[in-house]
Amino acid sequence: MKLSEQWIISQAPNASAVQNGRKLSQKGSFSNLAKSSDDTLFWADCAGSGKNPYHTSIDFTNDTAPTCRCSCPSRQFPCKHAVGLMFEILNEKEFKISDIPQDIAEKRAKQAAKKAKKELAKDETGEKAPKKTNPAAKAKKIKKQLEGLDKAEQLMTDLLSHGVGTLAGTSAKTYQTLAKDLSSYYLTGVQTAFLRLSNEIEKLNRDTQDYQEIIRILIWLNALIQKSRAFLTEKLEQKNYDAEDNELYEYLGGIWKLEELESIGSCQKDAQMVQLSFDVIYDDARKEYIDRAYWMDVKNGEISQTLNYRPVKALKYVKAEDTCFEAVQVPTLCYYPRSVNKRVRWESCSMEEVTPELLGAVRSHIGSDLSTVIKAVKNEIKNTLSEKYVAVAVQYDSIGTIENETVLCDKNGEKIVLRDRKADGVDHQSVQKLHHLPNGDLLKNQVMFGLMFYDTTDARICMHPYSIISDKQIIRLQY
């Protein structure tokens, strides 16, 4: 296994673990460094706060998803000691070839047995067979969801009968309570919509009289209720209780497992992905941070996204993602049902350098006709349940200023205004950064990646720039 600093960062739970692990390596905290004769297992002792050192090991039997073990009490995985051992390997410290310790050999045997059991569970197609469903339990859940949809619709009807204008004097806590009540109906999407409604009501009561976002939420909520009711009723009538290739599944409280995505064919073998941008969003309604990265599939040019959810209450225990500057090789790439910018996940990967040749392959997928891209975006965002933005990449002839607006122009003379999305917040502002690029050539004949969206302030399609893809590198305007 060839390590790189970027790979170590991708394995660590957070930046602190990387920093602390690096310090452990630098100050010589490790002793008794040893490895197996086939270089698949590395282990060592690491000095801790007590008199006895911690026993740390890294098992590369599966080199795309190594197993880290440590005797320390940390609840982070991998812990700083394991990360430090990775730096010892990266820095080519001297590891003595030794026999594998008995306790690790036993754990390896258990892992091998577990893997063999998984292989036996695969069906004739070679894919893991989905778990058998309990029809009675599934039917009961769907009936409960339909009951919850009726309740949510009645709540919305009562609200509209009094008029949206009355919300300014309404307590936001009322809708927070309603959202909490919906938690027993397995309706995650509906519950979140009421929480967002509560947040907007607080704004009305505090510092604004803008009802636009509230109306948008109500339209979205009504569409979700109607489509979900039809979807669930059909499943109940047909007694079809399996997960389906339908984005409503998540809105209705479904949580996809990788094996379920594989079972419905939502996967791709041997994918090669390059990260185009990375950012962190805070969702005030759900009280969680979202680490979001956009990626391009080098083989087919599709732009997808990874989403890592970190609830505020569990920040210490959930691994934070970070910018990735290397290309990832993914044995099995799973993607969630969606029309564009699908969410993707993978269990393991390896990394390699992003070369000019690889960037050339990325750029080869990107068209130069801006009007075609804008048309596709309009068709997507007019879907009521879709996000009101789409991540796209476009070739441009130049970027300049027209009437105090930053404008991107393609080779055909088609133009689009580059503008920061207000919904992204001030920490995502990037348009002004374009005017401070160290190399003016980046404003000509390059590729722009960003979010194309409909700006209600002047009713036009705009683009929020996230990064520039040149023939040599990806220049990130975000993180």
Protein backbone atom coordinates (compact mmCIF):
# COMPACT_ATOMS: atom_id res chain seq x y z
CA MET A 1 0.00 0.00 0.00
CA LYS A 2 1.48 3.34 -1.11
CA LEU A 3 0.49 6.09 1.30
CA SER A 4 0.20 9.81 0.64
CA GLU A 5 -0.57 12.70 2.97
CA GLN A 6 -3.88 13.26 1.17
CA TRP A 7 -4.83 9.62 1.75
CA ILE A 8 -4.04 9.94 5.48
CA ILE A 9 -6.19 13.08 5.69
CA SER A 10 -9.05 11.21 4.00
CA GLN A 11 -8.82 8.42 6.59
CA ALA A 12 -8.67 10.67 9.67
CA PRO A 13 -11.90 11.57 11.52
CA ASN A 14 -11.05 15.28 11.61
CA ALA A 15 -8.26 17.83 11.20
CA SER A 16 -7.30 17.57 14.89
CA ALA A 17 -6.58 13.86 14.54
CA VAL A 18 -4.29 14.62 11.58
CA GLN A 19 -2.46 17.36 13.49
CA ASN A 20 -2.12 15.31 16.67
CA GLY A 21 -1.07 12.18 14.78
CA ARG A 22 1.57 14.12 12.90
CA LYS A 23 2.92 15.53 16.20
CA LEU A 24 3.14 12.03 17.70
CA SER A 25 5.27 10.94 14.76
CA GLN A 26 7.45 14.07 14.80
CA LYS A 27 8.27 13.90 18.50
CA GLY A 28 9.17 10.21 18.41
CA SER A 29 6.28 8.79 20.42
CA PHE A 30 6.40 5.43 18.62
CA SER A 31 8.61 2.50 19.55
CA ASN A 32 8.94 -1.18 18.66
CA LEU A 33 7.98 -0.55 15.05
CA ALA A 34 7.27 -3.84 13.27
CA LYS A 35 5.65 -5.14 10.12
CA SER A 36 4.71 -8.43 8.49
CA SER A 37 6.91 -9.89 5.77
CA ASP A 38 4.30 -9.11 3.08
CA ASP A 39 3.90 -5.45 4.16
CA THR A 40 0.18 -5.88 4.85
CA LEU A 41 0.39 -5.27 8.61
CA PHE A 42 2.23 -2.56 10.56
CA TRP A 43 2.20 -2.23 14.34
CA ALA A 44 3.97 -0.29 17.09
CA ASP A 45 3.73 1.01 20.64
CA CYS A 46 2.81 4.65 21.18
CA ALA A 47 3.52 6.58 24.37
CA GLY A 48 0.37 7.91 26.01
CA SER A 49 -0.49 9.86 29.14
CA GLY A 50 -0.14 6.77 31.35
CA LYS A 51 2.91 4.65 32.13
CA ASN A 52 1.91 1.92 29.68
CA PRO A 53 2.05 2.59 25.92
CA TYR A 54 -0.88 2.01 23.56
CA HIS A 55 -0.64 -0.86 21.09
CA THR A 56 -1.51 0.40 17.61
CA SER A 57 -1.73 -1.43 14.29
CA ILE A 58 -2.87 -0.90 10.70
CA ASP A 59 -3.95 -3.88 8.61
CA PHE A 60 -3.77 -3.43 4.83
CA THR A 61 -5.29 -6.80 3.92
CA ASN A 62 -7.84 -4.71 2.07
CA ASP A 63 -5.60 -1.88 0.89
CA THR A 64 -8.51 0.38 -0.11
CA ALA A 65 -10.12 0.09 3.33
CA PRO A 66 -7.44 -0.66 5.95
CA THR A 67 -8.34 -1.78 9.45
CA CYS A 68 -6.94 0.37 12.27
CA ARG A 69 -6.72 -1.01 15.81
CA CYS A 70 -5.57 0.64 19.03
CA SER A 71 -5.75 -0.16 22.74
CA CYS A 72 -6.48 3.48 23.65
CA PRO A 73 -9.95 4.47 24.97
CA SER A 74 -10.63 7.01 22.19
CA ARG A 75 -14.04 6.89 20.52
CA GLN A 76 -12.67 8.44 17.34
CA PHE A 77 -11.89 6.11 14.48
CA PRO A 78 -9.13 5.93 13.51
CA CYS A 79 -7.63 7.48 16.62
CA LYS A 80 -4.69 9.91 16.61
CA HIS A 81 -2.29 7.05 17.44
CA ALA A 82 -3.32 5.13 14.30
CA VAL A 83 -3.03 8.32 12.25
CA GLY A 84 0.42 8.86 13.76
CA LEU A 85 1.42 5.35 12.73
CA MET A 86 0.34 6.19 9.18
CA PHE A 87 2.77 9.10 9.23
CA GLU A 88 5.50 6.77 10.48
CA ILE A 89 4.89 4.59 7.41
CA LEU A 90 4.69 7.61 5.10
CA ASN A 91 7.98 8.96 6.45
CA GLU A 92 9.60 5.57 5.78
CA LYS A 93 10.62 4.89 9.35
CA GLU A 94 12.39 1.58 9.87
CA PHE A 95 9.95 -1.25 10.65
CA LYS A 96 11.41 -4.60 11.74
CA ILE A 97 9.96 -7.65 10.00
CA SER A 98 8.33 -9.80 12.69
CA ASP A 99 5.76 -12.54 13.22
CA ILE A 100 2.18 -11.30 13.37
CA PRO A 101 1.00 -10.96 17.00
CA GLN A 102 -1.41 -13.70 18.09
CA ASP A 103 -4.28 -11.34 18.97
CA ILE A 104 -4.15 -9.66 15.55
CA ALA A 105 -3.91 -13.03 13.79
CA GLU A 106 -7.10 -14.12 15.57
CA LYS A 107 -8.89 -10.90 14.59
CA ARG A 108 -7.77 -11.39 11.00
CA ALA A 109 -9.22 -14.90 11.02
CA LYS A 110 -12.56 -13.58 12.28
CA GLN A 111 -12.60 -10.94 9.54
CA ALA A 112 -11.85 -13.56 6.90
CA ALA A 113 -14.69 -15.74 8.18
CA LYS A 114 -17.06 -12.77 8.14
CA LYS A 115 -16.05 -11.95 4.56
CA ALA A 116 -16.58 -15.57 3.49
CA LYS A 117 -20.05 -15.48 5.04
CA LYS A 118 -20.86 -12.36 3.01
CA GLU A 119 -19.71 -14.07 -0.16
CA LEU A 120 -22.04 -16.98 0.52
CA ALA A 121 -24.92 -14.51 0.94
CA LYS A 122 -24.56 -13.32 -2.66
CA ASP A 123 -27.13 -14.46 -5.18
CA GLU A 124 -26.46 -16.07 -8.57
CA THR A 125 -25.74 -12.69 -10.19
CA GLY A 126 -22.79 -12.17 -7.88
CA GLU A 127 -24.45 -9.31 -6.04
CA LYS A 128 -25.42 -9.41 -2.40
CA ALA A 129 -28.96 -10.65 -2.08
CA PRO A 130 -31.23 -8.11 -0.35
CA LYS A 131 -32.59 -9.01 3.05
CA LYS A 132 -36.05 -10.49 3.13
CA THR A 133 -38.74 -8.01 4.06
CA ASN A 134 -41.44 -8.45 6.68
CA PRO A 135 -44.62 -7.70 4.67
CA ALA A 136 -46.79 -7.13 7.73
CA ALA A 137 -44.34 -4.68 9.30
CA LYS A 138 -43.81 -2.84 6.01
CA ALA A 139 -47.56 -2.54 5.40
CA LYS A 140 -48.06 -1.23 8.93
CA LYS A 141 -45.35 1.40 8.40
CA ILE A 142 -46.86 2.58 5.10
CA LYS A 143 -50.29 2.92 6.71
CA LYS A 144 -48.71 4.98 9.47
CA GLN A 145 -47.01 7.19 6.88
CA LEU A 146 -50.30 7.72 5.03
CA GLU A 147 -51.89 8.70 8.32
CA GLY A 148 -49.08 11.20 8.89
CA LEU A 149 -49.52 12.65 5.40
CA ASP A 150 -53.22 13.24 6.12
CA LYS A 151 -52.31 15.01 9.35
CA ALA A 152 -49.67 17.17 7.63
CA GLU A 153 -52.11 18.11 4.85
CA GLN A 154 -54.74 19.13 7.38
CA LEU A 155 -52.21 21.30 9.21
CA MET A 156 -51.27 22.99 5.96
CA THR A 157 -54.93 23.47 4.99
CA ASP A 158 -55.67 25.11 8.33
CA LEU A 159 -52.68 27.42 7.86
CA LEU A 160 -53.73 28.49 4.36
CA SER A 161 -57.35 29.00 5.36
CA HIS A 162 -56.24 31.72 7.75
CA GLY A 163 -53.94 33.27 5.14
CA VAL A 164 -50.15 33.33 4.92
CA GLY A 165 -50.19 36.92 6.13
CA THR A 166 -51.25 35.81 9.60
CA LEU A 167 -47.96 33.93 10.11
CA ALA A 168 -46.13 37.08 11.16
CA GLY A 169 -47.93 36.92 14.48
CA THR A 170 -47.72 33.16 14.87
CA SER A 171 -45.38 31.50 17.32
CA ALA A 172 -42.69 29.49 15.56
CA LYS A 173 -42.77 27.03 18.45
CA THR A 174 -46.19 25.88 17.28
CA TYR A 175 -44.71 24.53 14.07
CA GLN A 176 -41.68 23.13 15.87
CA THR A 177 -44.12 21.11 17.99
CA LEU A 178 -45.96 19.97 14.87
CA ALA A 179 -42.70 18.85 13.31
CA LYS A 180 -41.82 16.91 16.45
CA ASP A 181 -45.23 15.18 16.40
CA LEU A 182 -44.58 14.05 12.81
CA SER A 183 -41.45 12.14 13.88
CA SER A 184 -43.63 9.16 14.86
CA TYR A 185 -44.97 8.90 11.30
CA TYR A 186 -41.64 8.15 9.54
CA LEU A 187 -41.89 11.28 7.37
CA THR A 188 -38.44 12.84 7.44
CA GLY A 189 -38.99 15.17 4.48
CA VAL A 190 -42.33 16.48 5.74
CA GLN A 191 -40.95 16.96 9.23
CA THR A 192 -37.97 18.94 7.92
CA ALA A 193 -40.28 21.13 5.83
CA PHE A 194 -42.24 22.15 8.93
CA LEU A 195 -38.96 22.91 10.73
CA ARG A 196 -37.93 25.15 7.83
CA LEU A 197 -41.35 26.80 8.00
CA SER A 198 -40.79 27.44 11.70
CA ASN A 199 -37.43 29.11 10.95
CA GLU A 200 -39.00 31.38 8.33
CA ILE A 201 -41.78 32.37 10.74
CA GLU A 202 -39.13 33.38 13.27
CA LYS A 203 -37.62 35.66 10.62
CA LEU A 204 -41.03 37.19 9.95
CA ASN A 205 -41.50 37.92 13.62
CA ARG A 206 -37.98 39.28 13.97
CA ASP A 207 -36.73 41.27 11.02
CA THR A 208 -38.48 40.69 7.71
CA GLN A 209 -41.84 40.69 5.96
CA ASP A 210 -40.71 38.57 3.02
CA TYR A 211 -43.16 35.70 2.48
CA GLN A 212 -41.47 34.38 -0.66
CA GLU A 213 -39.54 31.55 1.00
CA ILE A 214 -42.58 30.52 3.07
CA ILE A 215 -44.68 30.26 -0.08
CA ARG A 216 -41.94 28.19 -1.74
CA ILE A 217 -41.85 25.79 1.24
CA LEU A 218 -45.64 25.42 1.21
CA ILE A 219 -45.68 24.67 -2.53
CA TRP A 220 -42.88 22.12 -2.06
CA LEU A 221 -44.67 20.56 0.93
CA ASN A 222 -47.97 20.26 -0.94
CA ALA A 223 -46.25 18.57 -3.90
CA LEU A 224 -44.43 16.16 -1.58
CA ILE A 225 -47.64 15.20 0.23
CA GLN A 226 -49.57 14.56 -2.99
CA LYS A 227 -46.80 12.58 -4.71
CA SER A 228 -45.97 10.61 -1.57
CA ARG A 229 -49.59 9.64 -1.01
CA ALA A 230 -49.89 8.29 -4.56
CA PHE A 231 -46.53 6.50 -4.24
CA LEU A 232 -47.37 4.83 -0.91
CA THR A 233 -50.94 3.93 -1.88
CA GLU A 234 -49.68 2.13 -4.98
CA LYS A 235 -47.08 0.21 -2.95
CA LEU A 236 -49.74 -0.83 -0.46
CA GLU A 237 -52.18 -1.97 -3.16
CA GLN A 238 -49.50 -3.91 -5.04
CA LYS A 239 -47.93 -5.23 -1.83
CA ASN A 240 -44.57 -4.02 -3.05
CA TYR A 241 -42.53 -3.22 0.04
CA ASP A 242 -39.01 -3.22 -1.41
CA ALA A 243 -36.88 -0.08 -1.74
CA GLU A 244 -37.28 1.49 -5.17
CA ASP A 245 -35.33 3.67 -7.55
CA ASN A 246 -37.32 6.72 -6.48
CA GLU A 247 -36.17 9.86 -4.67
CA LEU A 248 -39.38 9.85 -2.61
CA TYR A 249 -37.92 6.94 -0.63
CA GLU A 250 -35.62 9.28 1.33
CA TYR A 251 -38.24 11.96 1.82
CA LEU A 252 -40.40 9.31 3.43
CA GLY A 253 -37.81 8.38 6.02
CA GLY A 254 -35.92 5.73 4.07
CA ILE A 255 -32.18 5.37 4.71
CA TRP A 256 -30.29 3.72 1.90
CA LYS A 257 -27.74 1.04 2.64
CA LEU A 258 -25.03 0.37 0.09
CA GLU A 259 -26.20 -3.20 -0.45
CA GLU A 260 -29.73 -1.93 -1.14
CA LEU A 261 -28.46 0.47 -3.77
CA GLU A 262 -26.48 -2.36 -5.35
CA SER A 263 -29.54 -4.62 -5.31
CA ILE A 264 -31.57 -2.13 -7.40
CA GLY A 265 -28.68 -1.60 -9.82
CA SER A 266 -27.73 1.90 -8.61
CA CYS A 267 -24.01 1.25 -8.80
CA GLN A 268 -21.03 1.41 -11.11
CA LYS A 269 -17.89 -0.69 -11.07
CA ASP A 270 -14.36 0.71 -11.27
CA ALA A 271 -15.23 4.41 -11.25
CA GLN A 272 -12.62 7.15 -11.34
CA MET A 273 -13.66 10.41 -9.65
CA VAL A 274 -12.12 13.87 -9.48
CA GLN A 275 -13.33 16.38 -6.89
CA LEU A 276 -14.37 19.71 -8.40
CA SER A 277 -15.22 21.57 -5.19
CA PHE A 278 -15.77 21.16 -1.47
CA ASP A 279 -17.76 23.22 1.03
CA VAL A 280 -19.53 22.98 4.37
CA ILE A 281 -23.17 23.99 4.83
CA TYR A 282 -25.06 24.47 8.07
CA ASP A 283 -28.70 23.33 8.01
CA ASP A 284 -30.41 25.32 10.74
CA ALA A 285 -33.66 23.35 10.49
CA ARG A 286 -31.97 19.99 11.04
CA LYS A 287 -29.24 21.39 13.30
CA GLU A 288 -26.42 19.73 11.44
CA TYR A 289 -23.40 20.48 9.29
CA ILE A 290 -23.20 19.02 5.81
CA ASP A 291 -19.82 18.39 4.20
CA ARG A 292 -20.58 18.61 0.50
CA ALA A 293 -18.25 17.79 -2.37
CA TYR A 294 -18.97 17.78 -6.08
CA TRP A 295 -17.20 15.21 -8.24
CA MET A 296 -16.91 14.38 -11.90
CA ASP A 297 -16.81 10.82 -13.21
CA VAL A 298 -13.79 10.78 -15.51
CA LYS A 299 -15.31 8.07 -17.71
CA ASN A 300 -18.74 9.57 -18.45
CA GLY A 301 -18.53 13.20 -17.29
CA GLU A 302 -21.45 12.99 -14.84
CA ILE A 303 -21.33 15.48 -11.95
CA SER A 304 -22.38 13.96 -8.63
CA GLN A 305 -22.04 14.89 -4.99
CA THR A 306 -21.05 13.36 -1.67
CA LEU A 307 -22.91 14.49 1.44
CA ASN A 308 -21.61 13.86 4.93
CA TYR A 309 -24.11 14.76 7.66
CA ARG A 310 -22.75 15.83 11.06
CA PRO A 311 -25.46 16.60 13.68
CA VAL A 312 -24.42 19.30 16.14
CA LYS A 313 -25.10 16.93 19.03
CA ALA A 314 -22.64 14.38 17.65
CA LEU A 315 -19.87 16.52 16.16
CA LYS A 316 -17.19 14.85 18.30
CA TYR A 317 -18.08 11.40 17.02
CA VAL A 318 -18.81 11.90 13.32
CA LYS A 319 -15.91 12.02 10.90
CA ALA A 320 -15.58 15.35 9.08
CA GLU A 321 -14.78 15.27 5.37
CA ASP A 322 -12.32 17.62 3.72
CA THR A 323 -11.09 18.81 0.35
CA CYS A 324 -9.55 16.04 -1.75
CA PHE A 325 -6.79 17.03 -4.18
CA GLU A 326 -6.25 13.56 -5.61
CA ALA A 327 -8.32 11.42 -7.94
CA VAL A 328 -10.06 8.46 -6.30
CA GLN A 329 -10.38 4.99 -7.77
CA VAL A 330 -13.61 3.41 -6.52
CA PRO A 331 -14.20 -0.37 -6.88
CA THR A 332 -17.98 0.05 -6.45
CA LEU A 333 -19.62 3.47 -6.69
CA CYS A 334 -23.21 3.58 -5.40
CA TYR A 335 -25.54 6.43 -6.30
CA TYR A 336 -28.87 7.57 -4.90
CA PRO A 337 -31.98 7.90 -7.10
CA ARG A 338 -32.14 11.41 -8.52
CA SER A 339 -32.28 13.06 -11.94
CA VAL A 340 -29.10 15.20 -11.73
CA ASN A 341 -26.16 15.66 -9.35
CA LYS A 342 -26.87 12.32 -7.71
CA ARG A 343 -25.52 11.66 -4.27
CA VAL A 344 -22.82 8.99 -4.39
CA ARG A 345 -21.13 6.83 -1.78
CA TRP A 346 -18.42 4.21 -1.69
CA GLU A 347 -17.05 1.82 0.88
CA SER A 348 -13.40 1.96 -0.11
CA CYS A 349 -11.11 3.67 -2.59
CA SER A 350 -7.50 4.25 -3.56
CA MET A 351 -5.94 7.53 -4.64
CA GLU A 352 -3.69 8.78 -7.39
CA GLU A 353 -2.28 12.10 -8.56
CA VAL A 354 -4.45 14.39 -10.68
CA THR A 355 -2.30 14.73 -13.79
CA PRO A 356 -2.73 17.13 -16.75
CA GLU A 357 -3.86 14.08 -18.76
CA LEU A 358 -6.58 13.38 -16.22
CA LEU A 359 -7.70 17.02 -16.26
CA GLY A 360 -7.78 16.79 -20.04
CA ALA A 361 -10.19 13.85 -19.75
CA VAL A 362 -12.36 15.88 -17.35
CA ARG A 363 -12.42 18.91 -19.65
CA SER A 364 -13.27 16.76 -22.66
CA HIS A 365 -16.72 16.07 -21.20
CA ILE A 366 -17.63 19.75 -20.84
CA GLY A 367 -19.57 21.50 -23.59
CA SER A 368 -19.04 25.03 -24.83
CA ASP A 369 -22.68 25.91 -25.60
CA LEU A 370 -23.94 27.92 -22.63
CA SER A 371 -27.53 28.14 -23.93
CA THR A 372 -27.83 24.33 -23.95
CA VAL A 373 -26.71 24.14 -20.31
CA ILE A 374 -29.11 26.90 -19.25
CA LYS A 375 -32.02 25.15 -20.98
CA ALA A 376 -31.25 21.88 -19.16
CA VAL A 377 -31.07 23.72 -15.83
CA LYS A 378 -34.45 25.40 -16.43
CA ASN A 379 -36.04 22.02 -17.18
CA GLU A 380 -34.66 20.62 -13.93
CA ILE A 381 -35.53 23.42 -11.50
CA LYS A 382 -39.12 23.70 -12.73
CA ASN A 383 -39.73 20.32 -11.06
CA THR A 384 -41.38 21.28 -7.77
CA LEU A 385 -39.41 18.82 -5.64
CA SER A 386 -36.04 19.61 -7.23
CA GLU A 387 -33.42 21.88 -5.70
CA LYS A 388 -33.53 25.35 -7.22
CA TYR A 389 -29.95 25.06 -8.40
CA VAL A 390 -27.91 22.60 -10.48
CA ALA A 391 -24.17 21.98 -10.36
CA VAL A 392 -22.77 22.42 -13.88
CA ALA A 393 -19.49 22.95 -15.71
CA VAL A 394 -19.22 25.15 -18.79
CA GLN A 395 -16.43 26.24 -21.10
CA TYR A 396 -16.03 29.99 -21.39
CA ASP A 397 -14.33 32.36 -23.75
CA SER A 398 -13.95 35.16 -21.22
CA ILE A 399 -15.03 36.56 -17.86
CA GLY A 400 -15.44 40.31 -17.54
CA THR A 401 -17.58 43.12 -16.15
CA ILE A 402 -20.70 44.59 -17.76
CA GLU A 403 -22.66 47.32 -15.94
CA ASN A 404 -21.03 46.42 -12.60
CA GLU A 405 -21.97 42.74 -13.00
CA THR A 406 -19.39 39.96 -13.44
CA VAL A 407 -20.33 38.10 -16.61
CA LEU A 408 -19.21 34.83 -18.19
CA CYS A 409 -19.28 34.67 -21.98
CA ASP A 410 -19.00 31.56 -24.19
CA LYS A 411 -17.49 31.36 -27.67
CA ASN A 412 -20.90 32.01 -29.27
CA GLY A 413 -21.37 35.28 -27.38
CA GLU A 414 -23.95 33.82 -24.96
CA LYS A 415 -23.65 35.41 -21.52
CA ILE A 416 -24.60 34.59 -17.94
CA VAL A 417 -24.23 36.75 -14.83
CA LEU A 418 -21.92 35.33 -12.14
CA ARG A 419 -23.52 36.00 -8.78
CA ASP A 420 -23.23 34.62 -5.24
CA ARG A 421 -26.31 32.74 -4.05
CA LYS A 422 -27.74 34.43 -0.95
CA ALA A 423 -28.85 31.05 0.37
CA ASP A 424 -25.22 29.92 0.52
CA GLY A 425 -24.33 32.65 3.02
CA VAL A 426 -21.51 35.17 3.16
CA ASP A 427 -18.88 32.48 3.80
CA HIS A 428 -19.53 31.13 0.29
CA GLN A 429 -19.09 34.41 -1.56
CA SER A 430 -16.67 33.87 -4.44
CA VAL A 431 -17.44 36.21 -7.35
CA GLN A 432 -15.08 38.92 -6.10
CA LYS A 433 -12.29 36.35 -5.84
CA LEU A 434 -12.30 36.08 -9.62
CA HIS A 435 -10.97 39.63 -9.82
CA HIS A 436 -8.02 38.78 -7.57
CA LEU A 437 -6.71 35.68 -9.35
CA PRO A 438 -2.90 35.72 -9.61
CA ASN A 439 -3.04 34.75 -13.27
CA GLY A 440 -5.24 36.81 -15.60
CA ASP A 441 -5.13 34.03 -18.19
CA LEU A 442 -7.54 32.08 -15.99
CA LEU A 443 -10.29 34.49 -17.05
CA LYS A 444 -10.00 33.32 -20.67
CA ASN A 445 -10.61 30.00 -22.43
CA GLN A 446 -11.07 27.86 -19.32
CA VAL A 447 -13.83 25.83 -17.65
CA MET A 448 -16.05 27.14 -14.87
CA PHE A 449 -17.71 24.84 -12.36
CA GLY A 450 -20.47 26.15 -10.10
CA LEU A 451 -24.14 26.24 -9.20
CA MET A 452 -26.56 27.58 -11.78
CA PHE A 453 -29.69 28.96 -10.11
CA TYR A 454 -32.77 31.12 -10.55
CA ASP A 455 -32.40 34.44 -8.76
CA THR A 456 -35.83 35.75 -7.72
CA THR A 457 -34.52 39.30 -7.15
CA ASP A 458 -34.51 40.02 -10.88
CA ALA A 459 -35.95 36.79 -12.32
CA ARG A 460 -32.88 35.52 -14.17
CA ILE A 461 -30.69 32.44 -14.31
CA CYS A 462 -27.30 33.16 -12.73
CA MET A 463 -24.23 31.11 -11.85
CA HIS A 464 -22.40 30.95 -8.55
CA PRO A 465 -18.74 30.14 -9.39
CA TYR A 466 -17.13 27.42 -7.27
CA SER A 467 -13.95 26.57 -9.15
CA ILE A 468 -12.01 26.99 -12.38
CA ILE A 469 -10.72 23.90 -14.19
CA SER A 470 -7.62 24.73 -16.21
CA ASP A 471 -5.47 22.31 -18.16
CA LYS A 472 -3.02 22.18 -15.23
CA GLN A 473 -5.07 22.36 -12.03
CA ILE A 474 -8.42 22.97 -10.36
CA ILE A 475 -8.51 26.43 -8.77
CA ARG A 476 -11.03 26.33 -5.92
CA LEU A 477 -12.89 29.52 -5.06
CA GLN A 478 -14.55 27.92 -2.05
CA TYR A 479 -12.56 25.72 0.36
